[in-house]
Amino acid sequence: MQLKALSGRVQFFPGFVNIGLILLADDRVALVDAGLDRRQARQVLEILTDYRYRLEAILVTHAHGDHSGGCAFLQEATGCRILTGPREAPAIENPMIQAIVLFGGSPPPELVTPHLVAEPARATVITGPTLTLDDLTIEVLDLPGHSIGQVGFLADGVAFIGDALFPEAAIRRNQLLYVFDPPAHLDSLHRLGSVPAATFVGGHFPPVTDLRPLLEANQRHIDQVFQLVRSILTGPQTFERILKEVLGRFHLRKSGWEYFLYRSTLSGYLSALKRRGEADFRVMDNLLLWVGGTPPASPATPPTPAEDQP
């Protein structure tokens, strides 16, 4: 792990999750995100110590474990502040929220993993559109969708945008990207197109100067998933049947915590279609069924959902 310069005041640690570094005054620095775990955070701290930098703050784009997993260690070691958006701060202080969101209740042990549930840390809420650290004003970018309240940070011409975008290779590899709220995610993609940055750094791709190819690829992916879900809603179907069909269309076979990640993603798409008036659900004979378009009146006898095929 080594620092790479992006501008006069901004550098970053490339890795599985990129970590930004912003130079403040008198050898103080701020990080953007904190990596996956204590091991990665310890490596970052060792490098900061070698440069004789003092960690003042960590700016967290969102509370998913791969971006906030090192916060607790770094805060314990340095006393730094952790700054994030108002809808992400609760999950940094109470990381179990991430597993609860995926499971919809008290989560089983399989969902309480470091990748999903980071160690808790004290968080300070960013309340305005800008953040001033020493002599530097940092613009706070509103980028919800991938998570409930993801934010980005624009400093000295460099925009750190978390998981608002994924590289095309990740789309091909994962097939179905995790999105908490697809319409909010599309709105964030639209706003990103007008961010006045010279360089953009995502959580999982190297710095780029031209966002257009990534914006087009990510928007196309979201649109394709919407179209797929619409095409499946040809008649009343259980959620599990729809999920099986979606995963089958993408040639995905998932178990454990990854299954719940895709389950949560589908919930976001179905909720969006319901809000748009393109889908609805009915509870019939204690069975939750989803339908596309304007739902028919509830029949006296509920239809029997198709059985899973081997």
C-alpha atoms as a PDB file:
ATOM      1  CA  MET A   1       0.000   0.000   0.000  1.00  0.00           C
ATOM      2  CA  GLN A   2       1.395   3.391  -0.983  1.00  0.00           C
ATOM      3  CA  LEU A   3       0.133   6.927  -1.389  1.00  0.00           C
ATOM      4  CA  LYS A   4      -0.454   8.325  -4.868  1.00  0.00           C
ATOM      5  CA  ALA A   5      -0.950  12.028  -5.587  1.00  0.00           C
ATOM      6  CA  LEU A   6      -4.073  13.297  -7.344  1.00  0.00           C
ATOM      7  CA  SER A   7      -3.707  17.064  -6.836  1.00  0.00           C
ATOM      8  CA  GLY A   8      -1.774  19.480  -4.684  1.00  0.00           C
ATOM      9  CA  ARG A   9      -3.833  18.693  -1.580  1.00  0.00           C
ATOM     10  CA  VAL A  10      -5.303  15.273  -2.345  1.00  0.00           C
ATOM     11  CA  GLN A  11      -3.754  11.800  -2.450  1.00  0.00           C
ATOM     12  CA  PHE A  12      -5.132   8.284  -2.103  1.00  0.00           C
ATOM     13  CA  PHE A  13      -4.308   4.743  -1.063  1.00  0.00           C
ATOM     14  CA  PRO A  14      -5.313   2.411  -3.937  1.00  0.00           C
ATOM     15  CA  GLY A  15      -6.693  -0.964  -2.940  1.00  0.00           C
ATOM     16  CA  PHE A  16      -9.736  -3.207  -2.822  1.00  0.00           C
ATOM     17  CA  VAL A  17     -11.409  -0.144  -1.317  1.00  0.00           C
ATOM     18  CA  ASN A  18      -9.725   3.127  -2.221  1.00  0.00           C
ATOM     19  CA  ILE A  19      -8.993   5.443   0.710  1.00  0.00           C
ATOM     20  CA  GLY A  20      -8.550   9.152   0.089  1.00  0.00           C
ATOM     21  CA  LEU A  21      -6.207  11.509   1.908  1.00  0.00           C
ATOM     22  CA  ILE A  22      -6.682  15.282   2.102  1.00  0.00           C
ATOM     23  CA  LEU A  23      -3.836  17.508   3.326  1.00  0.00           C
ATOM     24  CA  LEU A  24      -4.894  20.072   5.912  1.00  0.00           C
ATOM     25  CA  ALA A  25      -2.740  22.527   7.862  1.00  0.00           C
ATOM     26  CA  ASP A  26       0.332  21.777  10.036  1.00  0.00           C
ATOM     27  CA  ASP A  27       0.729  18.161   8.911  1.00  0.00           C
ATOM     28  CA  ARG A  28      -2.865  17.297   9.768  1.00  0.00           C
ATOM     29  CA  VAL A  29      -4.804  15.121   7.314  1.00  0.00           C
ATOM     30  CA  ALA A  30      -8.285  13.801   6.722  1.00  0.00           C
ATOM     31  CA  LEU A  31      -9.056  10.414   5.242  1.00  0.00           C
ATOM     32  CA  VAL A  32     -11.970   9.619   2.964  1.00  0.00           C
ATOM     33  CA  ASP A  33     -13.301   6.228   4.109  1.00  0.00           C
ATOM     34  CA  ALA A  34     -11.378   3.865   6.344  1.00  0.00           C
ATOM     35  CA  GLY A  35     -11.134   0.542   4.551  1.00  0.00           C
ATOM     36  CA  LEU A  36     -12.425  -2.906   5.358  1.00  0.00           C
ATOM     37  CA  ASP A  37     -10.966  -3.771   8.752  1.00  0.00           C
ATOM     38  CA  ARG A  38      -8.329  -3.195  11.416  1.00  0.00           C
ATOM     39  CA  ARG A  39      -5.608  -4.780   9.298  1.00  0.00           C
ATOM     40  CA  GLN A  40      -6.049  -2.302   6.454  1.00  0.00           C
ATOM     41  CA  ALA A  41      -6.521   0.588   8.905  1.00  0.00           C
ATOM     42  CA  ARG A  42      -3.303  -0.359  10.711  1.00  0.00           C
ATOM     43  CA  GLN A  43      -1.390  -0.249   7.425  1.00  0.00           C
ATOM     44  CA  VAL A  44      -2.802   3.209   6.708  1.00  0.00           C
ATOM     45  CA  LEU A  45      -1.851   4.454  10.174  1.00  0.00           C
ATOM     46  CA  GLU A  46       1.705   3.145   9.793  1.00  0.00           C
ATOM     47  CA  ILE A  47       2.112   5.089   6.554  1.00  0.00           C
ATOM     48  CA  LEU A  48       0.642   8.242   8.096  1.00  0.00           C
ATOM     49  CA  THR A  49       3.128   7.869  10.942  1.00  0.00           C
ATOM     50  CA  ASP A  50       6.022   7.465   8.483  1.00  0.00           C
ATOM     51  CA  TYR A  51       5.006  10.756   6.840  1.00  0.00           C
ATOM     52  CA  ARG A  52       4.487  12.327  10.293  1.00  0.00           C
ATOM     53  CA  TYR A  53       0.890  13.112   9.405  1.00  0.00           C
ATOM     54  CA  ARG A  54      -1.643  13.541  12.206  1.00  0.00           C
ATOM     55  CA  LEU A  55      -5.082  12.156  11.496  1.00  0.00           C
ATOM     56  CA  GLU A  56      -7.703  14.825  12.198  1.00  0.00           C
ATOM     57  CA  ALA A  57     -10.846  13.296  10.672  1.00  0.00           C
ATOM     58  CA  ILE A  58     -12.287  10.488   8.578  1.00  0.00           C
ATOM     59  CA  LEU A  59     -14.915  11.498   6.032  1.00  0.00           C
ATOM     60  CA  VAL A  60     -17.096   8.430   5.469  1.00  0.00           C
ATOM     61  CA  THR A  61     -19.061   8.151   2.231  1.00  0.00           C
ATOM     62  CA  HIS A  62     -21.366   5.457   3.625  1.00  0.00           C
ATOM     63  CA  ALA A  63     -21.519   2.985   6.487  1.00  0.00           C
ATOM     64  CA  HIS A  64     -21.095  -0.311   4.592  1.00  0.00           C
ATOM     65  CA  GLY A  65     -18.433  -2.402   6.297  1.00  0.00           C
ATOM     66  CA  ASP A  66     -15.911  -2.296   3.467  1.00  0.00           C
ATOM     67  CA  HIS A  67     -15.804   1.518   3.701  1.00  0.00           C
ATOM     68  CA  SER A  68     -16.169   2.045   7.465  1.00  0.00           C
ATOM     69  CA  GLY A  69     -14.535  -1.102   8.865  1.00  0.00           C
ATOM     70  CA  GLY A  70     -11.359   0.698   9.918  1.00  0.00           C
ATOM     71  CA  CYS A  71     -13.075   3.625  11.645  1.00  0.00           C
ATOM     72  CA  ALA A  72     -13.098   2.173  15.166  1.00  0.00           C
ATOM     73  CA  PHE A  73      -9.404   1.252  15.108  1.00  0.00           C
ATOM     74  CA  LEU A  74      -8.310   4.631  13.763  1.00  0.00           C
ATOM     75  CA  GLN A  75     -10.506   6.528  16.191  1.00  0.00           C
ATOM     76  CA  GLU A  76      -9.147   4.510  19.113  1.00  0.00           C
ATOM     77  CA  ALA A  77      -5.559   5.059  17.985  1.00  0.00           C
ATOM     78  CA  THR A  78      -5.730   8.768  17.168  1.00  0.00           C
ATOM     79  CA  GLY A  79      -8.898  10.253  18.678  1.00  0.00           C
ATOM     80  CA  CYS A  80      -9.936  11.477  15.215  1.00  0.00           C
ATOM     81  CA  ARG A  81     -13.446  12.599  14.394  1.00  0.00           C
ATOM     82  CA  ILE A  82     -15.606  10.559  12.029  1.00  0.00           C
ATOM     83  CA  LEU A  83     -17.790  12.745   9.831  1.00  0.00           C
ATOM     84  CA  THR A  84     -20.601  11.476   7.614  1.00  0.00           C
ATOM     85  CA  GLY A  85     -24.110  12.216   6.387  1.00  0.00           C
ATOM     86  CA  PRO A  86     -27.099  12.272   8.765  1.00  0.00           C
ATOM     87  CA  ARG A  87     -28.584   9.011   7.456  1.00  0.00           C
ATOM     88  CA  GLU A  88     -25.261   7.120   7.602  1.00  0.00           C
ATOM     89  CA  ALA A  89     -24.123   8.168  11.085  1.00  0.00           C
ATOM     90  CA  PRO A  90     -26.593   5.883  12.949  1.00  0.00           C
ATOM     91  CA  ALA A  91     -25.214   2.820  11.156  1.00  0.00           C
ATOM     92  CA  ILE A  92     -21.618   3.754  12.015  1.00  0.00           C
ATOM     93  CA  GLU A  93     -22.541   3.961  15.685  1.00  0.00           C
ATOM     94  CA  ASN A  94     -24.844   0.905  15.482  1.00  0.00           C
ATOM     95  CA  PRO A  95     -23.440  -1.254  12.644  1.00  0.00           C
ATOM     96  CA  MET A  96     -25.925  -4.077  13.275  1.00  0.00           C
ATOM     97  CA  ILE A  97     -28.391  -1.881  11.363  1.00  0.00           C
ATOM     98  CA  GLN A  98     -26.731  -3.098   8.128  1.00  0.00           C
ATOM     99  CA  ALA A  99     -27.561  -6.743   8.839  1.00  0.00           C
ATOM    100  CA  ILE A 100     -31.049  -5.846  10.062  1.00  0.00           C
ATOM    101  CA  VAL A 101     -31.747  -4.043   6.763  1.00  0.00           C
ATOM    102  CA  LEU A 102     -30.770  -7.126   4.775  1.00  0.00           C
ATOM    103  CA  PHE A 103     -32.668  -9.626   6.906  1.00  0.00           C
ATOM    104  CA  GLY A 104     -35.694  -7.563   7.930  1.00  0.00           C
ATOM    105  CA  GLY A 105     -35.440  -8.543  11.591  1.00  0.00           C
ATOM    106  CA  SER A 106     -32.926  -9.769  14.136  1.00  0.00           C
ATOM    107  CA  PRO A 107     -30.229 -11.174  11.814  1.00  0.00           C
ATOM    108  CA  PRO A 108     -28.781 -14.702  11.933  1.00  0.00           C
ATOM    109  CA  PRO A 109     -25.031 -15.173  12.555  1.00  0.00           C
ATOM    110  CA  GLU A 110     -24.345 -15.587   8.818  1.00  0.00           C
ATOM    111  CA  LEU A 111     -25.133 -11.880   8.312  1.00  0.00           C
ATOM    112  CA  VAL A 112     -23.016 -10.636  11.198  1.00  0.00           C
ATOM    113  CA  THR A 113     -19.759 -10.654   9.240  1.00  0.00           C
ATOM    114  CA  PRO A 114     -17.024  -7.968   9.120  1.00  0.00           C
ATOM    115  CA  HIS A 115     -17.886  -7.269   5.483  1.00  0.00           C
ATOM    116  CA  LEU A 116     -21.397  -6.231   6.539  1.00  0.00           C
ATOM    117  CA  VAL A 117     -21.106  -5.284  10.204  1.00  0.00           C
ATOM    118  CA  ALA A 118     -18.160  -3.085  11.157  1.00  0.00           C
ATOM    119  CA  GLU A 119     -17.015  -2.276  14.682  1.00  0.00           C
ATOM    120  CA  PRO A 120     -18.994   0.637  16.148  1.00  0.00           C
ATOM    121  CA  ALA A 121     -17.450   4.103  16.293  1.00  0.00           C
ATOM    122  CA  ARG A 122     -18.559   7.586  17.342  1.00  0.00           C
ATOM    123  CA  ALA A 123     -19.830   9.623  14.394  1.00  0.00           C
ATOM    124  CA  THR A 124     -20.422  13.345  13.885  1.00  0.00           C
ATOM    125  CA  VAL A 125     -23.167  14.357  11.457  1.00  0.00           C
ATOM    126  CA  ILE A 126     -22.365  16.699   8.579  1.00  0.00           C
ATOM    127  CA  THR A 127     -25.244  19.153   8.469  1.00  0.00           C
ATOM    128  CA  GLY A 128     -24.517  21.399   5.496  1.00  0.00           C
ATOM    129  CA  PRO A 129     -23.534  21.282   1.807  1.00  0.00           C
ATOM    130  CA  THR A 130     -19.932  22.175   2.656  1.00  0.00           C
ATOM    131  CA  LEU A 131     -17.441  21.200   5.306  1.00  0.00           C
ATOM    132  CA  THR A 132     -14.524  23.401   6.408  1.00  0.00           C
ATOM    133  CA  LEU A 133     -11.410  21.721   7.765  1.00  0.00           C
ATOM    134  CA  ASP A 134      -8.660  24.216   8.625  1.00  0.00           C
ATOM    135  CA  ASP A 135      -8.271  26.425   5.532  1.00  0.00           C
ATOM    136  CA  LEU A 136      -9.940  23.994   3.121  1.00  0.00           C
ATOM    137  CA  THR A 137     -13.612  24.000   2.122  1.00  0.00           C
ATOM    138  CA  ILE A 138     -14.875  20.591   1.028  1.00  0.00           C
ATOM    139  CA  GLU A 139     -18.112  20.227  -0.913  1.00  0.00           C
ATOM    140  CA  VAL A 140     -20.431  17.471   0.344  1.00  0.00           C
ATOM    141  CA  LEU A 141     -22.137  15.611  -2.519  1.00  0.00           C
ATOM    142  CA  ASP A 142     -25.575  14.078  -1.968  1.00  0.00           C
ATOM    143  CA  LEU A 143     -25.329  10.583  -3.506  1.00  0.00           C
ATOM    144  CA  PRO A 144     -27.971   8.258  -1.990  1.00  0.00           C
ATOM    145  CA  GLY A 145     -29.180   5.105  -3.704  1.00  0.00           C
ATOM    146  CA  HIS A 146     -26.474   2.505  -3.180  1.00  0.00           C
ATOM    147  CA  SER A 147     -27.039   3.145   0.512  1.00  0.00           C
ATOM    148  CA  ILE A 148     -29.695   5.138   2.295  1.00  0.00           C
ATOM    149  CA  GLY A 149     -27.695   8.358   2.612  1.00  0.00           C
ATOM    150  CA  GLN A 150     -24.370   8.003   0.835  1.00  0.00           C
ATOM    151  CA  VAL A 151     -22.372  11.218   0.391  1.00  0.00           C
ATOM    152  CA  GLY A 152     -19.322  12.157  -1.630  1.00  0.00           C
ATOM    153  CA  PHE A 153     -16.612  14.730  -1.045  1.00  0.00           C
ATOM    154  CA  LEU A 154     -15.116  17.232  -3.503  1.00  0.00           C
ATOM    155  CA  ALA A 155     -11.781  18.748  -2.435  1.00  0.00           C
ATOM    156  CA  ASP A 156      -9.147  20.519  -4.531  1.00  0.00           C
ATOM    157  CA  GLY A 157     -10.672  19.293  -7.786  1.00  0.00           C
ATOM    158  CA  VAL A 158     -10.947  15.639  -6.723  1.00  0.00           C
ATOM    159  CA  ALA A 159     -14.334  14.018  -6.064  1.00  0.00           C
ATOM    160  CA  PHE A 160     -14.538  10.901  -3.888  1.00  0.00           C
ATOM    161  CA  ILE A 161     -17.868   9.296  -4.761  1.00  0.00           C
ATOM    162  CA  GLY A 162     -17.942   6.047  -2.768  1.00  0.00           C
ATOM    163  CA  ASP A 163     -20.107   3.396  -4.438  1.00  0.00           C
ATOM    164  CA  ALA A 164     -22.235   5.777  -6.480  1.00  0.00           C
ATOM    165  CA  LEU A 165     -20.584   4.162  -9.519  1.00  0.00           C
ATOM    166  CA  PHE A 166     -19.086   0.765 -10.264  1.00  0.00           C
ATOM    167  CA  PRO A 167     -16.673  -0.122 -13.074  1.00  0.00           C
ATOM    168  CA  GLU A 168     -17.969  -2.113 -16.029  1.00  0.00           C
ATOM    169  CA  ALA A 169     -15.805  -5.076 -14.974  1.00  0.00           C
ATOM    170  CA  ALA A 170     -17.624  -5.188 -11.622  1.00  0.00           C
ATOM    171  CA  ILE A 171     -20.998  -5.058 -13.366  1.00  0.00           C
ATOM    172  CA  ARG A 172     -20.018  -7.987 -15.584  1.00  0.00           C
ATOM    173  CA  ARG A 173     -18.599  -9.939 -12.634  1.00  0.00           C
ATOM    174  CA  ASN A 174     -21.434  -9.343 -10.154  1.00  0.00           C
ATOM    175  CA  GLN A 175     -24.233  -9.277 -12.744  1.00  0.00           C
ATOM    176  CA  LEU A 176     -26.645  -7.675 -10.275  1.00  0.00           C
ATOM    177  CA  LEU A 177     -25.322  -4.678  -8.341  1.00  0.00           C
ATOM    178  CA  TYR A 178     -26.501  -4.017  -4.801  1.00  0.00           C
ATOM    179  CA  VAL A 179     -28.743  -0.928  -4.744  1.00  0.00           C
ATOM    180  CA  PHE A 180     -30.823   0.134  -1.764  1.00  0.00           C
ATOM    181  CA  ASP A 181     -33.071   2.575  -3.681  1.00  0.00           C
ATOM    182  CA  PRO A 182     -32.808   2.388  -7.508  1.00  0.00           C
ATOM    183  CA  PRO A 183     -34.628   5.688  -8.327  1.00  0.00           C
ATOM    184  CA  ALA A 184     -32.479   7.587  -5.800  1.00  0.00           C
ATOM    185  CA  HIS A 185     -29.427   5.920  -7.340  1.00  0.00           C
ATOM    186  CA  LEU A 186     -30.449   7.083 -10.824  1.00  0.00           C
ATOM    187  CA  ASP A 187     -30.924  10.621  -9.487  1.00  0.00           C
ATOM    188  CA  SER A 188     -27.409  10.488  -8.027  1.00  0.00           C
ATOM    189  CA  LEU A 189     -26.005   9.383 -11.381  1.00  0.00           C
ATOM    190  CA  HIS A 190     -27.702  12.372 -12.977  1.00  0.00           C
ATOM    191  CA  ARG A 191     -26.203  14.773 -10.400  1.00  0.00           C
ATOM    192  CA  LEU A 192     -22.737  13.280 -10.810  1.00  0.00           C
ATOM    193  CA  GLY A 193     -22.748  14.375 -14.446  1.00  0.00           C
ATOM    194  CA  SER A 194     -22.582  18.019 -13.348  1.00  0.00           C
ATOM    195  CA  VAL A 195     -20.000  17.736 -10.529  1.00  0.00           C
ATOM    196  CA  PRO A 196     -17.119  20.127 -11.414  1.00  0.00           C
ATOM    197  CA  ALA A 197     -14.231  17.808 -10.598  1.00  0.00           C
ATOM    198  CA  ALA A 198     -11.080  17.206 -12.603  1.00  0.00           C
ATOM    199  CA  THR A 199     -10.697  13.694 -11.164  1.00  0.00           C
ATOM    200  CA  PHE A 200     -13.204  11.178  -9.779  1.00  0.00           C
ATOM    201  CA  VAL A 201     -12.296   8.375  -7.382  1.00  0.00           C
ATOM    202  CA  GLY A 202     -14.764   5.572  -6.718  1.00  0.00           C
ATOM    203  CA  GLY A 203     -14.624   3.117  -3.898  1.00  0.00           C
ATOM    204  CA  HIS A 204     -13.715   0.268  -6.240  1.00  0.00           C
ATOM    205  CA  PHE A 205     -12.149   1.757  -9.366  1.00  0.00           C
ATOM    206  CA  PRO A 206      -9.031   3.822 -10.081  1.00  0.00           C
ATOM    207  CA  PRO A 207      -9.205   7.587 -10.658  1.00  0.00           C
ATOM    208  CA  VAL A 208     -10.815   8.730 -13.910  1.00  0.00           C
ATOM    209  CA  THR A 209     -11.179  12.103 -15.563  1.00  0.00           C
ATOM    210  CA  ASP A 210     -14.148  11.268 -17.793  1.00  0.00           C
ATOM    211  CA  LEU A 211     -17.200   9.871 -15.999  1.00  0.00           C
ATOM    212  CA  ARG A 212     -19.431   9.508 -19.032  1.00  0.00           C
ATOM    213  CA  PRO A 213     -18.665   5.857 -19.891  1.00  0.00           C
ATOM    214  CA  LEU A 214     -19.195   4.802 -16.257  1.00  0.00           C
ATOM    215  CA  LEU A 215     -22.371   6.850 -15.903  1.00  0.00           C
ATOM    216  CA  GLU A 216     -23.800   5.300 -19.064  1.00  0.00           C
ATOM    217  CA  ALA A 217     -22.858   1.748 -18.026  1.00  0.00           C
ATOM    218  CA  ASN A 218     -24.347   2.109 -14.535  1.00  0.00           C
ATOM    219  CA  GLN A 219     -27.548   3.746 -15.761  1.00  0.00           C
ATOM    220  CA  ARG A 220     -27.927   1.073 -18.432  1.00  0.00           C
ATOM    221  CA  HIS A 221     -27.555  -1.633 -15.765  1.00  0.00           C
ATOM    222  CA  ILE A 222     -30.257  -0.124 -13.541  1.00  0.00           C
ATOM    223  CA  ASP A 223     -32.608   0.296 -16.510  1.00  0.00           C
ATOM    224  CA  GLN A 224     -32.028  -3.322 -17.587  1.00  0.00           C
ATOM    225  CA  VAL A 225     -32.832  -4.656 -14.122  1.00  0.00           C
ATOM    226  CA  PHE A 226     -36.028  -2.593 -14.003  1.00  0.00           C
ATOM    227  CA  GLN A 227     -37.030  -4.004 -17.378  1.00  0.00           C
ATOM    228  CA  LEU A 228     -36.244  -7.560 -16.259  1.00  0.00           C
ATOM    229  CA  VAL A 229     -38.370  -7.273 -13.115  1.00  0.00           C
ATOM    230  CA  ARG A 230     -41.243  -5.780 -15.129  1.00  0.00           C
ATOM    231  CA  SER A 231     -41.059  -8.667 -17.601  1.00  0.00           C
ATOM    232  CA  ILE A 232     -41.284 -11.217 -14.778  1.00  0.00           C
ATOM    233  CA  LEU A 233     -44.372  -9.617 -13.221  1.00  0.00           C
ATOM    234  CA  THR A 234     -46.792 -11.166 -15.712  1.00  0.00           C
ATOM    235  CA  GLY A 235     -49.107 -12.493 -13.022  1.00  0.00           C
ATOM    236  CA  PRO A 236     -49.370 -12.800  -9.242  1.00  0.00           C
ATOM    237  CA  GLN A 237     -46.126 -14.287  -7.919  1.00  0.00           C
ATOM    238  CA  THR A 238     -44.425 -14.736  -4.586  1.00  0.00           C
ATOM    239  CA  PHE A 239     -41.355 -12.667  -3.799  1.00  0.00           C
ATOM    240  CA  GLU A 240     -39.235 -15.819  -3.591  1.00  0.00           C
ATOM    241  CA  ARG A 241     -40.379 -16.915  -7.047  1.00  0.00           C
ATOM    242  CA  ILE A 242     -39.495 -13.516  -8.512  1.00  0.00           C
ATOM    243  CA  LEU A 243     -36.081 -13.599  -6.827  1.00  0.00           C
ATOM    244  CA  LYS A 244     -35.412 -17.102  -8.147  1.00  0.00           C
ATOM    245  CA  GLU A 245     -36.276 -15.942 -11.662  1.00  0.00           C
ATOM    246  CA  VAL A 246     -34.115 -12.796 -11.429  1.00  0.00           C
ATOM    247  CA  LEU A 247     -31.089 -14.714 -10.166  1.00  0.00           C
ATOM    248  CA  GLY A 248     -31.651 -17.359 -12.828  1.00  0.00           C
ATOM    249  CA  ARG A 249     -31.740 -14.784 -15.612  1.00  0.00           C
ATOM    250  CA  PHE A 250     -28.357 -13.489 -14.387  1.00  0.00           C
ATOM    251  CA  HIS A 251     -27.000 -17.052 -13.982  1.00  0.00           C
ATOM    252  CA  LEU A 252     -26.386 -16.439 -10.276  1.00  0.00           C
ATOM    253  CA  ARG A 253     -26.447 -19.061  -7.544  1.00  0.00           C
ATOM    254  CA  LYS A 254     -26.099 -17.468  -4.134  1.00  0.00           C
ATOM    255  CA  SER A 255     -26.258 -18.652  -0.537  1.00  0.00           C
ATOM    256  CA  GLY A 256     -25.427 -17.233   2.874  1.00  0.00           C
ATOM    257  CA  TRP A 257     -25.132 -13.467   3.282  1.00  0.00           C
ATOM    258  CA  GLU A 258     -24.869 -12.890  -0.483  1.00  0.00           C
ATOM    259  CA  TYR A 259     -28.366 -14.304  -0.993  1.00  0.00           C
ATOM    260  CA  PHE A 260     -29.748 -11.692   1.384  1.00  0.00           C
ATOM    261  CA  LEU A 261     -27.822  -8.957  -0.416  1.00  0.00           C
ATOM    262  CA  TYR A 262     -29.633  -9.819  -3.665  1.00  0.00           C
ATOM    263  CA  ARG A 263     -32.916 -10.253  -1.798  1.00  0.00           C
ATOM    264  CA  SER A 264     -32.626  -6.713  -0.449  1.00  0.00           C
ATOM    265  CA  THR A 265     -31.760  -5.415  -3.914  1.00  0.00           C
ATOM    266  CA  LEU A 266     -34.892  -6.947  -5.433  1.00  0.00           C
ATOM    267  CA  SER A 267     -36.968  -5.432  -2.614  1.00  0.00           C
ATOM    268  CA  GLY A 268     -35.677  -2.012  -3.654  1.00  0.00           C
ATOM    269  CA  TYR A 269     -36.714  -2.528  -7.283  1.00  0.00           C
ATOM    270  CA  LEU A 270     -40.171  -3.830  -6.366  1.00  0.00           C
ATOM    271  CA  SER A 271     -40.716  -0.949  -3.953  1.00  0.00           C
ATOM    272  CA  ALA A 272     -39.711   1.505  -6.676  1.00  0.00           C
ATOM    273  CA  LEU A 273     -42.141  -0.050  -9.161  1.00  0.00           C
ATOM    274  CA  LYS A 274     -44.927   0.130  -6.578  1.00  0.00           C
ATOM    275  CA  ARG A 275     -44.202   3.810  -5.912  1.00  0.00           C
ATOM    276  CA  ARG A 276     -44.373   4.408  -9.662  1.00  0.00           C
ATOM    277  CA  GLY A 277     -47.693   2.600  -9.949  1.00  0.00           C
ATOM    278  CA  GLU A 278     -46.147  -0.169 -12.069  1.00  0.00           C
ATOM    279  CA  ALA A 279     -46.506  -2.941  -9.477  1.00  0.00           C
ATOM    280  CA  ASP A 280     -48.432  -3.746  -6.351  1.00  0.00           C
ATOM    281  CA  PHE A 281     -48.770  -6.532  -3.847  1.00  0.00           C
ATOM    282  CA  ARG A 282     -51.641  -8.403  -2.295  1.00  0.00           C
ATOM    283  CA  VAL A 283     -51.734 -10.556   0.812  1.00  0.00           C
ATOM    284  CA  MET A 284     -54.061 -13.451   0.044  1.00  0.00           C
ATOM    285  CA  ASP A 285     -54.564 -16.383   2.364  1.00  0.00           C
ATOM    286  CA  ASN A 286     -51.499 -15.175   4.326  1.00  0.00           C
ATOM    287  CA  LEU A 287     -49.379 -15.261   1.167  1.00  0.00           C
ATOM    288  CA  LEU A 288     -47.674 -12.125  -0.183  1.00  0.00           C
ATOM    289  CA  LEU A 289     -48.060 -11.898  -3.963  1.00  0.00           C
ATOM    290  CA  TRP A 290     -46.654  -9.260  -6.311  1.00  0.00           C
ATOM    291  CA  VAL A 291     -48.358  -8.238  -9.557  1.00  0.00           C
ATOM    292  CA  GLY A 292     -47.381  -5.882 -12.337  1.00  0.00           C
ATOM    293  CA  GLY A 293     -49.371  -2.928 -13.609  1.00  0.00           C
ATOM    294  CA  THR A 294     -52.685  -2.040 -12.003  1.00  0.00           C
ATOM    295  CA  PRO A 295     -53.478  -4.944  -9.661  1.00  0.00           C
ATOM    296  CA  PRO A 296     -56.800  -6.742 -10.107  1.00  0.00           C
ATOM    297  CA  ALA A 297     -59.402  -6.874  -7.381  1.00  0.00           C
ATOM    298  CA  SER A 298     -58.620  -9.488  -4.781  1.00  0.00           C
ATOM    299  CA  PRO A 299     -60.169 -12.793  -5.917  1.00  0.00           C
ATOM    300  CA  ALA A 300     -62.170 -14.965  -3.569  1.00  0.00           C
ATOM    301  CA  THR A 301     -59.682 -17.797  -4.056  1.00  0.00           C
ATOM    302  CA  PRO A 302     -56.021 -16.779  -4.355  1.00  0.00           C
ATOM    303  CA  PRO A 303     -54.055 -18.174  -7.265  1.00  0.00           C
ATOM    304  CA  THR A 304     -51.564 -20.889  -6.461  1.00  0.00           C
ATOM    305  CA  PRO A 305     -47.971 -19.721  -7.056  1.00  0.00           C
ATOM    306  CA  ALA A 306     -45.844 -21.825  -9.375  1.00  0.00           C
ATOM    307  CA  GLU A 307     -43.550 -24.314  -7.659  1.00  0.00           C
ATOM    308  CA  ASP A 308     -39.790 -23.885  -7.911  1.00  0.00           C
ATOM    309  CA  GLN A 309     -38.217 -25.867 -10.688  1.00  0.00           C
ATOM    310  CA  PRO A 310     -35.156 -27.984  -9.974  1.00  0.00           C
END
